[in-house]
Amino acid sequence: MTLAPKHQRLVLVLLAVAALIGAVMLAMWGLSDRAAYFRTPQDVAAGRAEVGVPLRLGGMVEKGSIQRMPDGVSVAFVLTDGVGQVPVRFTGIVPDLFKENSGAIAEGQLGRDGTFVADNILAKHDERYMPPQMGNQAAELMTRETAK
């Protein structure tokens, strides 16, 4: 039994739509474990973050809050947005740009004690960042720009 060309196209379109829906569903299922909401310290302080749910916490590293642990790889610090403060604990190597009074995003989960347990730390840099390979060229460029 052969189908008319009109019906063959309809069957192909339906199969393509079904395959596309299947691919989208598979992608959503695979990425569901990686989904993380972005929260600020103010959101966490207001109770808008659930314990044990993956999220990203963004803010500024509070001055004087970085404490390096004796094991050499653990660090504790406080992220703030000027309104709320959240203590953060991280075990691993922090980025080179991670320092006090700079922006950071911690990926992890909020613990029952209110401490954010980070799996990953991302340090933000400002728009004036120049790669180390450029050396003094960055300073010379800034001097020329301000002299104009």
N, C-alpha and C. Protein backbone atom coordinates (compact mmCIF):
# COMPACT_ATOMS: atom_id res chain seq x y z
N MET A 1 0.85 -1.17 0.00
CA MET A 1 0.00 0.00 0.00
C MET A 1 0.90 1.24 0.00
N THR A 2 0.72 2.07 -0.95
CA THR A 2 1.50 3.30 -1.05
C THR A 2 0.61 4.48 -0.74
N LEU A 3 1.24 5.47 -0.14
CA LEU A 3 0.50 6.68 0.20
C LEU A 3 0.64 7.71 -0.92
N ALA A 4 -0.34 8.53 -1.01
CA ALA A 4 -0.28 9.62 -1.99
C ALA A 4 0.82 10.59 -1.55
N PRO A 5 1.46 11.30 -2.47
CA PRO A 5 2.52 12.24 -2.12
C PRO A 5 2.10 13.25 -1.05
N LYS A 6 0.86 13.67 -1.10
CA LYS A 6 0.36 14.62 -0.12
C LYS A 6 0.40 14.00 1.29
N HIS A 7 0.02 12.74 1.41
CA HIS A 7 0.02 12.05 2.70
C HIS A 7 1.44 11.71 3.15
N GLN A 8 2.34 11.42 2.20
CA GLN A 8 3.73 11.15 2.55
C GLN A 8 4.36 12.37 3.21
N ARG A 9 4.10 13.55 2.65
CA ARG A 9 4.64 14.78 3.24
C ARG A 9 4.09 15.00 4.64
N LEU A 10 2.81 14.73 4.82
CA LEU A 10 2.18 14.89 6.14
C LEU A 10 2.82 13.94 7.15
N VAL A 11 3.05 12.71 6.77
CA VAL A 11 3.69 11.74 7.66
C VAL A 11 5.11 12.19 8.01
N LEU A 12 5.86 12.68 7.01
CA LEU A 12 7.23 13.15 7.27
C LEU A 12 7.23 14.36 8.20
N VAL A 13 6.32 15.28 8.01
CA VAL A 13 6.23 16.46 8.88
C VAL A 13 5.88 16.03 10.30
N LEU A 14 4.95 15.12 10.46
CA LEU A 14 4.58 14.64 11.79
C LEU A 14 5.74 13.92 12.48
N LEU A 15 6.48 13.11 11.71
CA LEU A 15 7.66 12.45 12.28
C LEU A 15 8.73 13.46 12.68
N ALA A 16 8.93 14.49 11.88
CA ALA A 16 9.92 15.52 12.19
C ALA A 16 9.52 16.28 13.45
N VAL A 17 8.25 16.62 13.59
CA VAL A 17 7.76 17.32 14.79
C VAL A 17 7.93 16.42 16.02
N ALA A 18 7.59 15.16 15.89
CA ALA A 18 7.74 14.22 17.02
C ALA A 18 9.21 14.09 17.41
N ALA A 19 10.12 14.03 16.43
CA ALA A 19 11.55 13.94 16.72
C ALA A 19 12.04 15.21 17.41
N LEU A 20 11.57 16.36 16.96
CA LEU A 20 11.97 17.63 17.57
C LEU A 20 11.48 17.73 19.01
N ILE A 21 10.24 17.35 19.25
CA ILE A 21 9.71 17.35 20.62
C ILE A 21 10.50 16.38 21.49
N GLY A 22 10.83 15.23 20.96
CA GLY A 22 11.63 14.26 21.71
C GLY A 22 13.02 14.80 22.05
N ALA A 23 13.65 15.48 21.11
CA ALA A 23 14.98 16.05 21.35
C ALA A 23 14.92 17.14 22.41
N VAL A 24 13.91 17.99 22.35
CA VAL A 24 13.75 19.05 23.36
C VAL A 24 13.52 18.45 24.74
N MET A 25 12.67 17.46 24.83
CA MET A 25 12.40 16.81 26.12
C MET A 25 13.65 16.14 26.68
N LEU A 26 14.41 15.49 25.82
CA LEU A 26 15.66 14.85 26.25
C LEU A 26 16.66 15.89 26.74
N ALA A 27 16.78 17.01 26.04
CA ALA A 27 17.69 18.08 26.47
C ALA A 27 17.26 18.68 27.80
N MET A 28 15.97 18.91 27.98
CA MET A 28 15.48 19.47 29.24
C MET A 28 15.71 18.50 30.40
N TRP A 29 15.51 17.23 30.15
CA TRP A 29 15.74 16.23 31.20
C TRP A 29 17.22 16.18 31.56
N GLY A 30 18.09 16.23 30.56
CA GLY A 30 19.53 16.17 30.81
C GLY A 30 20.07 17.40 31.51
N LEU A 31 19.47 18.55 31.26
CA LEU A 31 19.95 19.80 31.86
C LEU A 31 19.27 20.13 33.18
N SER A 32 18.28 19.38 33.58
CA SER A 32 17.55 19.71 34.80
C SER A 32 18.45 19.71 36.04
N ASP A 33 19.46 18.86 36.06
CA ASP A 33 20.38 18.82 37.21
C ASP A 33 21.32 20.01 37.21
N ARG A 34 21.53 20.64 36.07
CA ARG A 34 22.46 21.78 35.96
C ARG A 34 21.76 23.13 36.11
N ALA A 35 20.44 23.13 36.17
CA ALA A 35 19.71 24.39 36.28
C ALA A 35 19.96 24.99 37.65
N ALA A 36 20.29 26.27 37.67
CA ALA A 36 20.55 26.96 38.93
C ALA A 36 20.03 28.39 38.83
N TYR A 37 19.23 28.77 39.80
CA TYR A 37 18.70 30.12 39.83
C TYR A 37 19.75 31.07 40.39
N PHE A 38 19.72 32.32 39.94
CA PHE A 38 20.64 33.34 40.46
C PHE A 38 19.95 34.06 41.60
N ARG A 39 20.63 34.19 42.72
CA ARG A 39 20.11 34.89 43.88
C ARG A 39 21.15 35.87 44.40
N THR A 40 20.68 36.90 45.06
CA THR A 40 21.56 37.86 45.72
C THR A 40 21.56 37.55 47.22
N PRO A 41 22.53 38.08 47.96
CA PRO A 41 22.50 37.88 49.41
C PRO A 41 21.21 38.40 50.06
N GLN A 42 20.65 39.47 49.51
CA GLN A 42 19.40 40.00 50.03
C GLN A 42 18.27 38.98 49.85
N ASP A 43 18.24 38.29 48.70
CA ASP A 43 17.23 37.25 48.46
C ASP A 43 17.37 36.12 49.47
N VAL A 44 18.60 35.70 49.73
CA VAL A 44 18.84 34.60 50.68
C VAL A 44 18.43 35.03 52.08
N ALA A 45 18.79 36.25 52.47
CA ALA A 45 18.42 36.74 53.80
C ALA A 45 16.91 36.86 53.96
N ALA A 46 16.20 37.13 52.87
CA ALA A 46 14.74 37.26 52.91
C ALA A 46 14.05 35.90 52.83
N GLY A 47 14.82 34.81 52.73
CA GLY A 47 14.25 33.47 52.70
C GLY A 47 13.77 33.03 51.34
N ARG A 48 14.24 33.67 50.26
CA ARG A 48 13.81 33.30 48.91
C ARG A 48 14.71 32.25 48.28
N ALA A 49 15.51 31.56 49.07
CA ALA A 49 16.36 30.47 48.58
C ALA A 49 16.10 29.24 49.42
N GLU A 50 15.88 28.11 48.75
CA GLU A 50 15.59 26.87 49.46
C GLU A 50 16.88 26.14 49.80
N VAL A 51 16.87 25.47 50.92
CA VAL A 51 18.01 24.67 51.36
C VAL A 51 18.17 23.47 50.44
N GLY A 52 19.40 23.23 49.99
CA GLY A 52 19.72 22.05 49.18
C GLY A 52 19.41 22.16 47.70
N VAL A 53 18.90 23.29 47.25
CA VAL A 53 18.57 23.47 45.84
C VAL A 53 19.73 24.19 45.15
N PRO A 54 20.22 23.68 44.01
CA PRO A 54 21.33 24.34 43.33
C PRO A 54 20.98 25.77 42.93
N LEU A 55 21.90 26.71 43.21
CA LEU A 55 21.70 28.09 42.82
C LEU A 55 23.04 28.80 42.68
N ARG A 56 22.97 29.98 42.11
CA ARG A 56 24.15 30.84 41.98
C ARG A 56 23.92 32.04 42.88
N LEU A 57 24.91 32.32 43.70
CA LEU A 57 24.84 33.44 44.63
C LEU A 57 25.86 34.48 44.19
N GLY A 58 25.39 35.67 43.87
CA GLY A 58 26.29 36.72 43.38
C GLY A 58 26.33 37.90 44.30
N GLY A 59 27.50 38.49 44.44
CA GLY A 59 27.66 39.68 45.27
C GLY A 59 29.12 40.09 45.33
N MET A 60 29.43 40.96 46.28
CA MET A 60 30.79 41.43 46.50
C MET A 60 31.39 40.69 47.69
N VAL A 61 32.67 40.36 47.59
CA VAL A 61 33.36 39.71 48.70
C VAL A 61 33.62 40.79 49.75
N GLU A 62 33.05 40.61 50.92
CA GLU A 62 33.15 41.61 51.98
C GLU A 62 34.59 41.77 52.46
N LYS A 63 34.98 43.02 52.67
CA LYS A 63 36.34 43.33 53.11
C LYS A 63 36.61 42.69 54.48
N GLY A 64 37.74 42.02 54.59
CA GLY A 64 38.15 41.39 55.84
C GLY A 64 37.48 40.05 56.13
N SER A 65 36.71 39.52 55.18
CA SER A 65 35.97 38.30 55.46
C SER A 65 36.65 37.02 54.96
N ILE A 66 37.68 37.13 54.13
CA ILE A 66 38.31 35.93 53.58
C ILE A 66 39.16 35.25 54.64
N GLN A 67 38.85 33.99 54.90
CA GLN A 67 39.61 33.18 55.86
C GLN A 67 40.07 31.92 55.16
N ARG A 68 41.37 31.76 55.03
CA ARG A 68 41.92 30.55 54.41
C ARG A 68 42.13 29.51 55.50
N MET A 69 41.69 28.30 55.23
CA MET A 69 41.77 27.22 56.21
C MET A 69 43.15 26.56 56.18
N PRO A 70 43.54 25.90 57.27
CA PRO A 70 44.85 25.26 57.35
C PRO A 70 45.11 24.19 56.29
N ASP A 71 44.05 23.59 55.72
CA ASP A 71 44.27 22.55 54.72
C ASP A 71 44.80 23.10 53.40
N GLY A 72 44.78 24.42 53.23
CA GLY A 72 45.35 25.05 52.05
C GLY A 72 44.43 25.14 50.85
N VAL A 73 43.30 24.47 50.87
CA VAL A 73 42.39 24.51 49.73
C VAL A 73 40.98 24.98 50.10
N SER A 74 40.70 25.12 51.37
CA SER A 74 39.38 25.57 51.80
C SER A 74 39.44 27.05 52.16
N VAL A 75 38.35 27.73 51.83
CA VAL A 75 38.27 29.15 52.12
C VAL A 75 36.84 29.48 52.57
N ALA A 76 36.73 30.39 53.50
CA ALA A 76 35.43 30.89 53.95
C ALA A 76 35.43 32.40 53.77
N PHE A 77 34.31 32.94 53.34
CA PHE A 77 34.20 34.38 53.13
C PHE A 77 32.73 34.76 53.18
N VAL A 78 32.46 36.05 53.09
CA VAL A 78 31.09 36.55 53.13
C VAL A 78 30.81 37.29 51.84
N LEU A 79 29.69 36.95 51.19
CA LEU A 79 29.22 37.70 50.02
C LEU A 79 28.14 38.66 50.48
N THR A 80 28.21 39.89 49.99
CA THR A 80 27.23 40.91 50.34
C THR A 80 26.79 41.68 49.11
N ASP A 81 25.60 42.25 49.20
CA ASP A 81 25.13 43.13 48.15
C ASP A 81 24.82 44.52 48.72
N GLY A 82 25.33 44.77 49.91
CA GLY A 82 25.09 46.04 50.58
C GLY A 82 23.88 45.99 51.50
N VAL A 83 23.02 45.01 51.31
CA VAL A 83 21.82 44.87 52.14
C VAL A 83 21.90 43.57 52.95
N GLY A 84 22.12 42.46 52.25
CA GLY A 84 22.21 41.16 52.91
C GLY A 84 23.64 40.63 52.89
N GLN A 85 23.91 39.70 53.79
CA GLN A 85 25.22 39.05 53.87
C GLN A 85 25.00 37.54 54.00
N VAL A 86 25.82 36.78 53.27
CA VAL A 86 25.73 35.32 53.33
C VAL A 86 27.13 34.75 53.48
N PRO A 87 27.36 33.94 54.55
CA PRO A 87 28.66 33.27 54.66
C PRO A 87 28.76 32.16 53.62
N VAL A 88 29.95 32.05 53.03
CA VAL A 88 30.19 31.05 51.98
C VAL A 88 31.38 30.20 52.37
N ARG A 89 31.28 28.90 52.08
CA ARG A 89 32.39 27.97 52.32
C ARG A 89 32.70 27.29 50.99
N PHE A 90 33.98 27.23 50.63
CA PHE A 90 34.40 26.64 49.37
C PHE A 90 35.66 25.84 49.57
N THR A 91 35.71 24.66 48.96
CA THR A 91 36.91 23.83 48.98
C THR A 91 37.36 23.65 47.54
N GLY A 92 38.54 24.17 47.25
CA GLY A 92 39.08 24.11 45.90
C GLY A 92 40.02 25.29 45.68
N ILE A 93 40.44 25.44 44.46
CA ILE A 93 41.35 26.53 44.12
C ILE A 93 40.51 27.71 43.64
N VAL A 94 40.67 28.84 44.31
CA VAL A 94 39.91 30.03 43.93
C VAL A 94 40.58 30.70 42.73
N PRO A 95 39.81 31.42 41.91
CA PRO A 95 40.39 32.11 40.75
C PRO A 95 41.39 33.19 41.18
N ASP A 96 42.30 33.53 40.29
CA ASP A 96 43.29 34.56 40.58
C ASP A 96 42.66 35.91 40.88
N LEU A 97 41.53 36.22 40.27
CA LEU A 97 40.87 37.51 40.46
C LEU A 97 40.00 37.57 41.71
N PHE A 98 39.93 36.49 42.45
CA PHE A 98 39.13 36.44 43.68
C PHE A 98 39.85 37.21 44.77
N LYS A 99 39.22 38.28 45.27
CA LYS A 99 39.81 39.09 46.34
C LYS A 99 38.71 39.88 47.02
N GLU A 100 39.06 40.52 48.12
CA GLU A 100 38.10 41.33 48.86
C GLU A 100 37.67 42.53 48.03
N ASN A 101 36.45 42.98 48.26
CA ASN A 101 35.86 44.12 47.55
C ASN A 101 35.75 43.91 46.05
N SER A 102 35.68 42.67 45.61
CA SER A 102 35.48 42.40 44.19
C SER A 102 34.26 41.50 44.02
N GLY A 103 33.71 41.50 42.82
CA GLY A 103 32.53 40.71 42.55
C GLY A 103 32.85 39.24 42.41
N ALA A 104 31.93 38.41 42.85
CA ALA A 104 32.10 36.96 42.73
C ALA A 104 30.73 36.30 42.62
N ILE A 105 30.71 35.17 41.95
CA ILE A 105 29.52 34.34 41.88
C ILE A 105 29.90 32.96 42.39
N ALA A 106 29.15 32.50 43.36
CA ALA A 106 29.37 31.17 43.93
C ALA A 106 28.26 30.25 43.46
N GLU A 107 28.64 29.09 42.93
CA GLU A 107 27.66 28.09 42.50
C GLU A 107 27.65 26.97 43.52
N GLY A 108 26.47 26.63 44.01
CA GLY A 108 26.38 25.57 45.01
C GLY A 108 25.00 25.50 45.62
N GLN A 109 24.95 25.22 46.94
CA GLN A 109 23.67 25.05 47.63
C GLN A 109 23.72 25.71 48.99
N LEU A 110 22.58 26.17 49.43
CA LEU A 110 22.45 26.75 50.76
C LEU A 110 22.31 25.63 51.77
N GLY A 111 23.14 25.68 52.83
CA GLY A 111 23.07 24.66 53.88
C GLY A 111 22.02 25.01 54.91
N ARG A 112 21.69 24.03 55.75
CA ARG A 112 20.67 24.23 56.78
C ARG A 112 21.07 25.30 57.79
N ASP A 113 22.38 25.48 58.00
CA ASP A 113 22.86 26.47 58.97
C ASP A 113 22.94 27.88 58.38
N GLY A 114 22.52 28.05 57.12
CA GLY A 114 22.55 29.38 56.49
C GLY A 114 23.84 29.67 55.76
N THR A 115 24.79 28.74 55.81
CA THR A 115 26.05 28.91 55.09
C THR A 115 25.89 28.35 53.68
N PHE A 116 26.36 29.11 52.71
CA PHE A 116 26.29 28.67 51.33
C PHE A 116 27.51 27.80 51.05
N VAL A 117 27.31 26.57 50.61
CA VAL A 117 28.40 25.64 50.32
C VAL A 117 28.61 25.67 48.81
N ALA A 118 29.72 26.26 48.39
CA ALA A 118 29.99 26.46 46.96
C ALA A 118 30.77 25.30 46.37
N ASP A 119 30.38 24.92 45.15
CA ASP A 119 31.10 23.92 44.38
C ASP A 119 32.07 24.59 43.41
N ASN A 120 31.78 25.85 43.08
CA ASN A 120 32.57 26.58 42.09
C ASN A 120 32.49 28.06 42.42
N ILE A 121 33.59 28.77 42.19
CA ILE A 121 33.64 30.22 42.39
C ILE A 121 34.04 30.88 41.07
N LEU A 122 33.28 31.86 40.67
CA LEU A 122 33.61 32.66 39.49
C LEU A 122 33.90 34.08 39.96
N ALA A 123 35.05 34.61 39.59
CA ALA A 123 35.42 35.97 39.98
C ALA A 123 35.15 36.91 38.82
N LYS A 124 34.56 38.04 39.14
CA LYS A 124 34.29 39.04 38.11
C LYS A 124 35.46 40.00 38.03
N HIS A 125 35.67 40.55 36.84
CA HIS A 125 36.68 41.58 36.69
C HIS A 125 36.01 42.81 36.11
N ASP A 126 36.66 43.96 36.24
CA ASP A 126 36.06 45.17 35.70
C ASP A 126 36.36 45.31 34.21
N GLU A 127 35.76 46.31 33.61
CA GLU A 127 35.91 46.48 32.16
C GLU A 127 37.31 46.94 31.76
N ARG A 128 38.14 47.32 32.72
CA ARG A 128 39.50 47.76 32.40
C ARG A 128 40.50 46.60 32.40
N TYR A 129 40.04 45.38 32.51
CA TYR A 129 40.92 44.22 32.57
C TYR A 129 41.76 44.10 31.30
N MET A 130 43.04 43.85 31.47
CA MET A 130 43.95 43.58 30.37
C MET A 130 44.70 42.29 30.69
N PRO A 131 44.88 41.41 29.71
CA PRO A 131 45.61 40.17 29.97
C PRO A 131 47.04 40.45 30.41
N PRO A 132 47.61 39.59 31.26
CA PRO A 132 48.97 39.80 31.75
C PRO A 132 50.00 39.88 30.62
N GLN A 133 49.72 39.22 29.48
CA GLN A 133 50.67 39.22 28.37
C GLN A 133 50.88 40.63 27.80
N MET A 134 49.94 41.53 28.05
CA MET A 134 50.07 42.89 27.51
C MET A 134 51.03 43.75 28.32
N GLY A 135 51.36 43.31 29.54
CA GLY A 135 52.33 44.01 30.36
C GLY A 135 51.98 45.47 30.56
N ASN A 136 52.96 46.36 30.32
CA ASN A 136 52.78 47.79 30.53
C ASN A 136 51.94 48.46 29.46
N GLN A 137 51.60 47.74 28.42
CA GLN A 137 50.79 48.34 27.36
C GLN A 137 49.46 48.82 27.91
N ALA A 138 48.92 48.14 28.90
CA ALA A 138 47.64 48.55 29.48
C ALA A 138 47.78 49.90 30.16
N ALA A 139 48.85 50.08 30.94
CA ALA A 139 49.07 51.35 31.62
C ALA A 139 49.34 52.47 30.62
N GLU A 140 50.11 52.18 29.58
CA GLU A 140 50.40 53.19 28.56
C GLU A 140 49.13 53.59 27.82
N LEU A 141 48.28 52.64 27.53
CA LEU A 141 47.02 52.93 26.86
C LEU A 141 46.14 53.82 27.73
N MET A 142 46.05 53.52 29.01
CA MET A 142 45.24 54.33 29.92
C MET A 142 45.80 55.75 30.02
N THR A 143 47.15 55.90 30.04
CA THR A 143 47.78 57.21 30.14
C THR A 143 47.47 58.03 28.88
N ARG A 144 47.54 57.40 27.72
CA ARG A 144 47.24 58.09 26.47
C ARG A 144 45.78 58.53 26.41
N GLU A 145 44.89 57.67 26.87
CA GLU A 145 43.46 57.97 26.82
C GLU A 145 43.11 59.15 27.74
N THR A 146 43.72 59.21 28.92
CA THR A 146 43.42 60.31 29.84
C THR A 146 44.08 61.61 29.41
N ALA A 147 45.17 61.54 28.63
CA ALA A 147 45.88 62.74 28.17
C ALA A 147 45.11 63.43 27.04
N LYS A 148 44.23 62.71 26.36
CA LYS A 148 43.49 63.31 25.22
C LYS A 148 42.49 64.32 25.66
